[in-house]
Protein backbone atom coordinates (compact mmCIF):
# COMPACT_ATOMS: atom_id res chain seq x y z
CA MET A 1 0.00 0.00 0.00
CA ASN A 2 1.27 3.48 -0.84
CA VAL A 3 2.21 5.63 2.14
CA SER A 4 2.97 9.29 2.58
CA PRO A 5 5.36 11.14 4.90
CA GLY A 6 4.40 12.25 8.40
CA SER A 7 3.21 8.83 9.66
CA THR A 8 1.91 8.50 13.22
CA LYS A 9 3.87 6.46 15.72
CA ASP A 10 3.60 2.70 15.66
CA SER A 11 0.03 1.76 16.60
CA ALA A 12 0.61 -1.97 17.07
CA THR A 13 0.01 -1.72 20.82
CA TRP A 14 -3.12 0.42 20.59
CA ARG A 15 -6.52 -1.00 21.47
CA ARG A 16 -9.23 -1.24 18.82
CA ARG A 17 -11.12 1.94 19.70
CA THR A 18 -7.91 3.97 19.56
CA LYS A 19 -6.99 2.43 16.21
CA ALA A 20 -10.47 3.32 14.91
CA VAL A 21 -9.86 6.99 15.71
CA ARG A 22 -6.16 7.40 14.95
CA GLY A 23 -4.97 4.42 12.90
CA GLY A 24 -3.30 5.31 9.61
CA THR A 25 -3.48 9.07 10.20
CA ARG A 26 -0.93 11.03 8.16
CA ARG A 27 -0.82 14.78 8.50
CA SER A 28 0.35 17.21 5.88
CA GLY A 29 2.63 20.13 6.64
CA PHE A 30 -0.42 22.09 7.82
CA GLY A 31 -0.85 19.83 10.88
CA GLU A 32 -4.59 19.32 10.42
CA THR A 33 -6.40 17.29 13.12
CA SER A 34 -9.05 15.94 10.74
CA GLU A 35 -7.69 13.79 7.93
CA ALA A 36 -7.09 15.73 4.72
CA ILE A 37 -8.97 15.02 1.51
CA PHE A 38 -6.52 14.81 -1.38
CA LEU A 39 -8.77 15.40 -4.39
CA THR A 40 -6.18 14.73 -7.06
CA SER A 41 -5.95 12.25 -9.88
CA GLY A 42 -2.19 12.52 -10.42
CA TYR A 43 1.07 13.47 -8.69
CA ALA A 44 4.05 15.53 -9.78
CA TYR A 45 7.60 14.19 -9.59
CA SER A 46 10.76 16.08 -8.74
CA GLY A 47 12.33 14.65 -11.87
CA PRO A 48 12.18 11.73 -14.31
CA GLU A 49 14.46 9.75 -12.00
CA GLU A 50 11.83 9.82 -9.26
CA ALA A 51 9.08 8.88 -11.70
CA GLU A 52 11.15 5.91 -12.90
CA ALA A 53 11.82 4.79 -9.32
CA ARG A 54 8.13 4.91 -8.42
CA PHE A 55 7.06 2.92 -11.45
CA LYS A 56 9.73 0.33 -10.63
CA GLY A 57 8.48 0.16 -7.05
CA GLU A 58 11.78 1.44 -5.66
CA ASP A 59 10.17 4.65 -4.34
CA ASP A 60 7.03 4.19 -2.23
CA GLY A 61 5.37 7.40 -3.37
CA PHE A 62 2.12 7.96 -5.23
CA ILE A 63 1.76 7.56 -8.99
CA TYR A 64 -1.91 7.91 -9.87
CA SER A 65 -5.06 7.82 -7.78
CA ARG A 66 -6.26 4.67 -9.50
CA TYR A 67 -3.17 3.07 -7.94
CA GLY A 68 -3.24 4.87 -4.60
CA ASN A 69 -4.16 8.11 -2.88
CA PRO A 70 -3.16 9.54 0.54
CA THR A 71 -6.75 9.74 1.83
CA VAL A 72 -7.65 6.30 0.51
CA GLY A 73 -4.40 4.95 1.95
CA MET A 74 -5.34 6.21 5.41
CA PHE A 75 -8.68 4.39 5.20
CA GLU A 76 -6.98 1.19 4.04
CA GLU A 77 -4.43 1.27 6.84
CA ARG A 78 -7.01 2.08 9.50
CA ILE A 79 -9.45 -0.69 8.58
CA ALA A 80 -6.58 -3.17 8.33
CA GLU A 81 -5.46 -2.26 11.84
CA ILE A 82 -8.98 -2.68 13.24
CA GLU A 83 -9.41 -6.03 11.48
CA GLY A 84 -5.96 -7.30 12.35
CA ALA A 85 -5.05 -7.81 8.68
CA GLU A 86 -1.65 -7.34 7.10
CA ALA A 87 -3.04 -5.38 4.15
CA ALA A 88 -6.18 -3.82 2.72
CA MET A 89 -7.32 -2.25 -0.52
CA ALA A 90 -10.37 -0.02 -0.85
CA THR A 91 -12.85 -0.28 -3.71
CA ALA A 92 -15.64 1.83 -5.17
CA SER A 93 -18.39 -0.39 -3.70
CA GLY A 94 -18.95 -3.52 -1.68
CA MET A 95 -19.70 -5.55 -4.79
CA ALA A 96 -16.44 -4.36 -6.37
CA ALA A 97 -14.70 -5.79 -3.29
CA VAL A 98 -16.59 -9.09 -3.56
CA SER A 99 -15.84 -9.44 -7.28
CA ALA A 100 -12.18 -8.49 -6.93
CA SER A 101 -11.60 -10.89 -4.04
CA MET A 102 -12.48 -13.80 -6.33
CA LEU A 103 -11.55 -12.64 -9.84
CA CYS A 104 -8.03 -11.64 -8.84
CA GLN A 105 -7.18 -15.28 -8.08
CA LEU A 106 -9.33 -17.30 -10.50
CA LYS A 107 -8.79 -18.62 -14.03
CA ALA A 108 -10.59 -21.01 -16.36
CA GLY A 109 -10.70 -24.53 -14.94
CA ASP A 110 -10.74 -23.40 -11.31
CA HIS A 111 -13.50 -24.25 -8.85
CA VAL A 112 -15.32 -22.14 -6.24
CA VAL A 113 -17.47 -23.38 -3.36
CA ALA A 114 -19.99 -20.91 -1.95
CA ALA A 115 -22.68 -20.92 0.67
CA ARG A 116 -26.15 -20.83 -0.82
CA ALA A 117 -27.36 -18.09 1.53
CA LEU A 118 -25.88 -14.95 -0.02
CA PHE A 119 -26.87 -11.41 -0.96
CA GLY A 120 -28.55 -11.44 -4.38
CA SER A 121 -25.71 -9.70 -6.23
CA CYS A 122 -23.13 -12.06 -4.70
CA ARG A 123 -25.18 -15.00 -5.96
CA TYR A 124 -25.25 -13.39 -9.42
CA VAL A 125 -21.46 -13.01 -9.55
CA ILE A 126 -20.95 -16.61 -8.50
CA GLU A 127 -23.75 -18.26 -10.51
CA GLU A 128 -23.79 -16.10 -13.64
CA ILE A 129 -20.45 -14.35 -14.11
CA LEU A 130 -17.82 -16.86 -12.97
CA PRO A 131 -19.11 -19.71 -15.18
CA ARG A 132 -18.84 -17.46 -18.26
CA PHE A 133 -15.07 -17.52 -17.77
CA GLY A 134 -14.80 -21.25 -17.26
CA VAL A 135 -14.91 -21.31 -13.46
CA ALA A 136 -16.93 -24.17 -11.96
CA ILE A 137 -19.07 -23.43 -8.92
CA THR A 138 -20.74 -25.50 -6.23
CA LEU A 139 -23.36 -24.12 -3.85
CA VAL A 140 -23.76 -25.68 -0.41
CA ASP A 141 -25.97 -25.18 2.61
CA GLY A 142 -23.55 -23.19 4.73
CA THR A 143 -24.48 -24.72 8.08
CA ASP A 144 -23.94 -28.29 6.80
CA LEU A 145 -20.25 -29.08 7.27
CA ASN A 146 -20.63 -32.38 5.42
CA GLN A 147 -21.64 -30.46 2.30
CA TRP A 148 -18.52 -28.30 2.55
CA GLN A 149 -16.39 -31.42 2.94
CA ASP A 150 -17.99 -33.10 -0.07
CA ALA A 151 -17.79 -29.98 -2.26
CA VAL A 152 -14.07 -29.13 -2.05
CA ARG A 153 -11.75 -30.81 -4.53
CA SER A 154 -8.28 -30.45 -5.98
CA GLU A 155 -9.37 -27.67 -8.38
CA THR A 156 -10.97 -25.61 -5.59
CA VAL A 157 -9.23 -22.23 -5.36
CA CYS A 158 -11.50 -20.42 -2.94
CA ALA A 159 -14.66 -20.61 -0.86
CA PHE A 160 -17.05 -17.69 -0.36
CA LEU A 161 -19.61 -17.17 2.39
CA GLU A 162 -21.30 -14.51 4.49
CA THR A 163 -22.16 -14.86 8.15
CA PRO A 164 -24.58 -13.61 9.36
CA SER A 165 -26.22 -14.13 5.99
CA ASN A 166 -28.53 -11.74 4.17
CA PRO A 167 -31.43 -11.75 4.96
CA MET A 168 -32.03 -14.86 7.10
CA LEU A 169 -29.11 -14.29 9.51
CA GLU A 170 -27.73 -17.78 9.06
CA ILE A 171 -24.58 -18.32 11.13
CA ILE A 172 -21.80 -20.48 9.68
CA ASP A 173 -19.05 -22.11 11.75
CA LEU A 174 -16.06 -20.08 10.55
CA LYS A 175 -13.30 -22.19 12.06
CA ALA A 176 -14.79 -25.48 10.90
CA VAL A 177 -15.27 -24.27 7.31
CA CYS A 178 -11.78 -22.74 7.22
CA ASP A 179 -10.27 -26.03 8.40
CA ILE A 180 -12.13 -27.95 5.66
CA VAL A 181 -11.28 -25.53 2.86
CA HIS A 182 -7.65 -25.15 3.93
CA GLY A 183 -7.38 -28.93 3.86
CA ALA A 184 -7.98 -28.69 0.11
CA GLY A 185 -5.36 -25.95 -0.22
CA ALA A 186 -7.92 -23.22 -0.98
CA ASN A 187 -8.59 -19.72 0.36
CA VAL A 188 -11.61 -18.70 2.42
CA ILE A 189 -13.33 -15.37 1.66
CA ILE A 190 -15.78 -13.98 4.22
CA ASP A 191 -18.30 -11.22 3.50
CA ASN A 192 -18.42 -9.59 6.94
CA ALA A 193 -20.64 -6.61 6.07
CA PHE A 194 -23.46 -7.51 8.50
CA ALA A 195 -21.12 -7.75 11.49
CA SER A 196 -18.33 -5.24 10.72
CA PRO A 197 -14.84 -5.68 12.21
CA VAL A 198 -16.21 -4.44 15.53
CA LEU A 199 -18.57 -7.40 16.05
CA GLN A 200 -16.68 -10.16 14.21
CA ARG A 201 -13.13 -10.62 12.96
CA PRO A 202 -13.11 -13.69 10.69
CA MET A 203 -9.32 -13.82 10.41
CA GLU A 204 -9.23 -14.84 14.08
CA PHE A 205 -11.01 -18.03 13.00
CA GLY A 206 -8.76 -18.72 10.02
CA ALA A 207 -10.28 -16.69 7.16
CA ASP A 208 -7.78 -15.63 4.49
CA ILE A 209 -9.70 -12.73 2.94
CA VAL A 210 -12.44 -10.49 4.39
CA VAL A 211 -14.58 -8.19 2.28
CA TYR A 212 -16.79 -5.29 3.28
CA SER A 213 -19.46 -3.12 1.84
CA ALA A 214 -18.30 0.01 3.62
CA THR A 215 -21.55 1.54 2.38
CA LYS A 216 -23.26 -0.19 5.31
CA LEU A 217 -22.11 0.05 8.92
CA ILE A 218 -18.71 1.58 8.21
CA ASP A 219 -20.21 4.71 6.67
CA GLY A 220 -23.24 4.23 8.88
CA GLN A 221 -25.22 7.22 7.70
CA GLY A 222 -26.23 6.29 4.17
CA ARG A 223 -23.96 8.78 2.40
CA CYS A 224 -21.38 7.07 0.20
CA LEU A 225 -20.59 3.85 -1.60
CA GLY A 226 -17.39 2.02 -0.77
CA GLY A 227 -15.82 -1.35 -0.16
CA ALA A 228 -12.66 -2.99 1.13
CA VAL A 229 -10.72 -6.23 0.73
CA LEU A 230 -8.48 -7.31 3.61
CA CYS A 231 -5.86 -10.00 3.22
CA SER A 232 -2.27 -11.08 3.77
CA ALA A 233 0.64 -9.01 2.50
CA GLU A 234 1.53 -11.79 0.05
CA PHE A 235 -1.98 -12.06 -1.43
CA HIS A 236 -2.13 -8.26 -1.65
CA LYS A 237 1.15 -8.05 -3.57
CA GLU A 238 0.77 -11.07 -5.83
CA SER A 239 -2.96 -11.11 -6.64
CA LEU A 240 -5.14 -8.29 -5.35
CA MET A 241 -3.08 -5.15 -6.00
CA PRO A 242 -2.27 -5.91 -9.67
CA PHE A 243 -5.90 -6.76 -10.37
CA LEU A 244 -7.37 -3.64 -8.77
CA ARG A 245 -4.74 -1.30 -10.19
CA HIS A 246 -5.39 -2.41 -13.75
CA THR A 247 -9.16 -2.95 -13.62
CA GLY A 248 -9.77 0.35 -11.83
CA PRO A 249 -12.63 0.13 -9.27
CA ALA A 250 -10.89 2.77 -7.15
CA LEU A 251 -12.53 4.40 -4.13
CA SER A 252 -12.81 8.17 -4.48
CA PRO A 253 -10.79 10.25 -1.98
CA PHE A 254 -13.95 11.99 -0.74
CA ASN A 255 -15.71 8.68 -0.07
CA ALA A 256 -12.59 7.39 1.67
CA TRP A 257 -12.65 10.45 3.94
CA VAL A 258 -16.30 9.75 4.80
CA MET A 259 -15.40 6.14 5.63
CA LEU A 260 -12.54 7.32 7.85
CA LYS A 261 -14.99 9.44 9.81
CA GLY A 262 -17.32 6.45 9.99
CA LEU A 263 -14.64 4.21 11.47
CA GLU A 264 -14.10 6.70 14.30
CA THR A 265 -17.60 6.07 15.68
CA LEU A 266 -18.18 2.52 14.40
CA GLU A 267 -17.79 0.74 17.74
CA LEU A 268 -20.12 3.14 19.57
CA ARG A 269 -22.73 2.90 16.82
CA ALA A 270 -22.48 -0.88 16.58
CA GLN A 271 -23.15 -1.21 20.32
CA SER A 272 -26.24 0.97 19.99
CA HIS A 273 -27.45 -0.96 16.92
CA CYS A 274 -27.12 -4.22 18.85
CA GLU A 275 -28.96 -2.92 21.90
CA GLY A 276 -31.79 -1.50 19.81
CA ALA A 277 -32.09 -4.55 17.57
CA GLU A 278 -32.30 -6.96 20.49
CA ASN A 279 -34.93 -4.78 22.16
CA VAL A 280 -37.01 -4.69 18.97
CA ALA A 281 -36.51 -8.42 18.33
CA ARG A 282 -37.86 -9.30 21.78
CA PHE A 283 -40.84 -7.02 21.18
CA LEU A 284 -41.60 -8.62 17.80
CA SER A 285 -41.35 -12.11 19.30
CA ALA A 286 -44.32 -11.31 21.51
CA GLN A 287 -46.62 -10.03 18.75
CA ASP A 288 -49.57 -12.15 17.57
CA ARG A 289 -49.30 -11.40 13.83
CA ILE A 290 -45.56 -12.10 13.72
CA GLY A 291 -44.25 -15.61 13.06
CA CYS A 292 -40.59 -16.55 13.24
CA VAL A 293 -38.24 -13.82 14.53
CA LEU A 294 -34.54 -14.25 13.76
CA TYR A 295 -31.88 -12.38 15.70
CA PRO A 296 -28.51 -13.98 16.60
CA ALA A 297 -28.47 -12.73 20.21
CA LEU A 298 -31.84 -14.34 21.00
CA ALA A 299 -31.71 -17.84 22.47
CA SER A 300 -34.39 -18.81 19.94
CA HIS A 301 -32.00 -18.35 17.01
CA PRO A 302 -31.06 -21.77 15.54
CA GLN A 303 -27.31 -21.01 15.82
CA HIS A 304 -27.43 -18.75 18.88
CA ASN A 305 -24.54 -20.41 20.72
CA LEU A 306 -22.30 -20.37 17.65
CA ALA A 307 -23.19 -16.74 16.94
CA MET A 308 -22.24 -15.66 20.45
CA ALA A 309 -18.98 -17.62 20.22
CA GLN A 310 -17.98 -15.85 16.97
CA MET A 311 -19.54 -12.42 17.45
CA ASP A 312 -19.32 -9.67 20.05
CA GLY A 313 -23.01 -8.83 19.60
CA GLY A 314 -26.08 -9.76 17.61
CA GLY A 315 -25.76 -6.99 15.02
CA GLY A 316 -28.31 -4.45 13.87
CA VAL A 317 -30.58 -6.57 11.64
CA VAL A 318 -33.75 -8.41 12.67
CA THR A 319 -35.56 -10.68 10.20
CA PHE A 320 -39.14 -11.80 10.81
CA ASP A 321 -42.19 -13.28 9.11
CA VAL A 322 -45.49 -11.44 8.93
CA GLU A 323 -48.46 -13.80 8.96
CA GLY A 324 -50.54 -13.30 5.83
CA GLY A 325 -47.74 -13.33 3.25
CA LYS A 326 -46.96 -10.52 0.83
CA PRO A 327 -50.22 -8.54 1.34
CA ALA A 328 -49.70 -8.45 5.10
CA ALA A 329 -45.99 -7.65 4.77
CA PHE A 330 -46.73 -4.79 2.35
CA SER A 331 -49.46 -3.52 4.65
CA LEU A 332 -47.00 -3.46 7.56
CA LEU A 333 -44.39 -1.57 5.52
CA ASN A 334 -46.95 0.93 4.27
CA GLY A 335 -48.20 1.52 7.82
CA LEU A 336 -44.84 2.57 9.24
CA ARG A 337 -44.35 6.25 10.04
CA ILE A 338 -40.78 6.33 11.34
CA VAL A 339 -39.02 3.39 9.68
CA ASP A 340 -38.15 3.99 6.02
CA ILE A 341 -38.66 1.44 3.25
CA SER A 342 -35.20 0.92 1.72
CA ASN A 343 -32.99 -1.96 0.63
CA ASN A 344 -29.94 -0.46 2.35
CA LEU A 345 -28.92 -1.36 5.91
CA GLY A 346 -26.50 -0.37 8.66
CA ASP A 347 -27.79 3.22 8.61
CA ALA A 348 -28.39 5.55 11.55
CA LYS A 349 -32.00 5.53 10.36
CA SER A 350 -34.05 2.33 10.68
CA LEU A 351 -34.73 0.76 7.27
CA ILE A 352 -37.03 -2.08 6.27
CA THR A 353 -37.34 -4.14 3.11
CA HIS A 354 -39.22 -7.10 1.64
CA PRO A 355 -36.45 -9.44 0.36
CA ALA A 356 -38.66 -11.59 -1.90
CA THR A 357 -39.48 -8.57 -4.10
CA THR A 358 -36.19 -6.64 -3.76
CA THR A 359 -32.76 -8.01 -2.81
CA HIS A 360 -33.62 -11.65 -3.58
CA GLN A 361 -36.34 -11.23 -6.21
CA ARG A 362 -34.27 -12.86 -8.98
CA LEU A 363 -34.15 -16.18 -7.12
CA SER A 364 -36.80 -18.75 -7.96
CA VAL A 365 -39.65 -19.37 -5.55
CA GLY A 366 -38.16 -22.77 -4.78
CA GLU A 367 -34.71 -21.35 -4.06
CA ARG A 368 -36.15 -18.66 -1.80
CA ALA A 369 -38.10 -21.34 0.03
CA HIS A 370 -34.91 -23.39 0.44
CA LEU A 371 -33.29 -20.37 2.08
CA GLY A 372 -36.33 -19.78 4.29
CA ILE A 373 -37.38 -16.56 2.53
CA THR A 374 -41.18 -16.45 2.34
CA ASP A 375 -43.55 -13.87 0.90
CA GLY A 376 -44.07 -12.68 4.47
CA THR A 377 -40.36 -12.30 5.28
CA VAL A 378 -39.26 -8.79 6.26
CA ARG A 379 -35.73 -7.56 7.01
CA LEU A 380 -35.44 -4.69 9.49
CA SER A 381 -32.18 -2.79 9.93
CA VAL A 382 -32.52 -1.15 13.34
CA GLY A 383 -31.01 2.33 13.44
CA LEU A 384 -30.02 4.66 16.24
CA GLU A 385 -33.49 5.96 17.10
CA ASP A 386 -34.98 5.33 20.54
CA PRO A 387 -36.12 1.67 20.52
CA GLU A 388 -39.35 2.66 22.28
CA ASP A 389 -40.28 4.87 19.33
CA LEU A 390 -39.51 2.05 16.93
CA LYS A 391 -41.64 -0.41 18.88
CA GLU A 392 -44.53 2.05 18.97
CA ASP A 393 -44.18 2.54 15.21
CA LEU A 394 -44.20 -1.20 14.59
CA SER A 395 -47.13 -1.64 16.97
CA GLN A 396 -49.34 0.89 15.21
CA ALA A 397 -48.38 -0.57 11.81
CA LEU A 398 -49.23 -4.07 12.98
CA ALA A 399 -52.62 -2.80 14.11
CA THR A 400 -53.44 -1.99 10.45
CA LEU A 401 -53.14 -5.66 9.37
């Protein structure tokens, strides 16, 4: 990763909250306290000798903002420190991070194993895009370790999964899957967007690569798109960096600055999201017109014990079924006065969506049923509002059913 002069002292001994506020900070000659936004596409050299040295990699300065930028570099270093990763590269969106994490290491004839329970766009990349380039794929039920064991083979290059999953909050045993996949000599990629590095750090369980949609909890206020891929220094140098530099899904310096500000408050916001979501989940569990309520921190969650062993909290998303199918679910959404209808999540504002007609609409009815997504399934991203106001809003909306 490119660096610039004026680096802060070694932060290796800092605790996570300190790293989230100060990690990667590099001040210009003006001594600014807030990170600077370097809105520049290119960089001037003192002479052709310096330009030659940078292009050869002998001078660790900046070349072009598609390759690296001081503001983007600060974000990359900070999120790597929070995660405990050796390296990170930022991308223009979460899906750019997901795509790059796989495409940078795959070629025709390779094989990918993926959990079936994935965000709709992730499923599209794996099921529709990878096979076009001669990559074989196998989908498995993520909680079934026997399926993982049966799926990996000598051609397997990587495995991809998200936990908690979108939208059914399925929890996958990270260590067990990593052990299985590593036994085949393959890499494990974890989409950790629902948990963030505050609530779950997959590398502690053996994951090789972690990807984020920084658009979600890391920004946390619904402002900018962004993503990140975290990995080892070797994978960064040999696979990820060349791919991203030459394909170009670079994060803008302004968006990187927004993400830096988001990281400063991420832990405090994540704690509040967890507290509010658990409060709302317990409320929904007691309502007559609500069926199954899924929230990892509730004892009723099918993988509750595993979730609490891997995560530092239940997260900010609650998924539940409204009795009466799509008409009842739509009626509930239309009756809300505080909660906004939106397919985003991880925002300071509470957001609700109907997965069967939005994020997972392209899946067949049978596939949605296999994942547990019904026409009455609703995904609620609990924001930072007072939980009592949210419960009152849900209560009055339920009364309209």
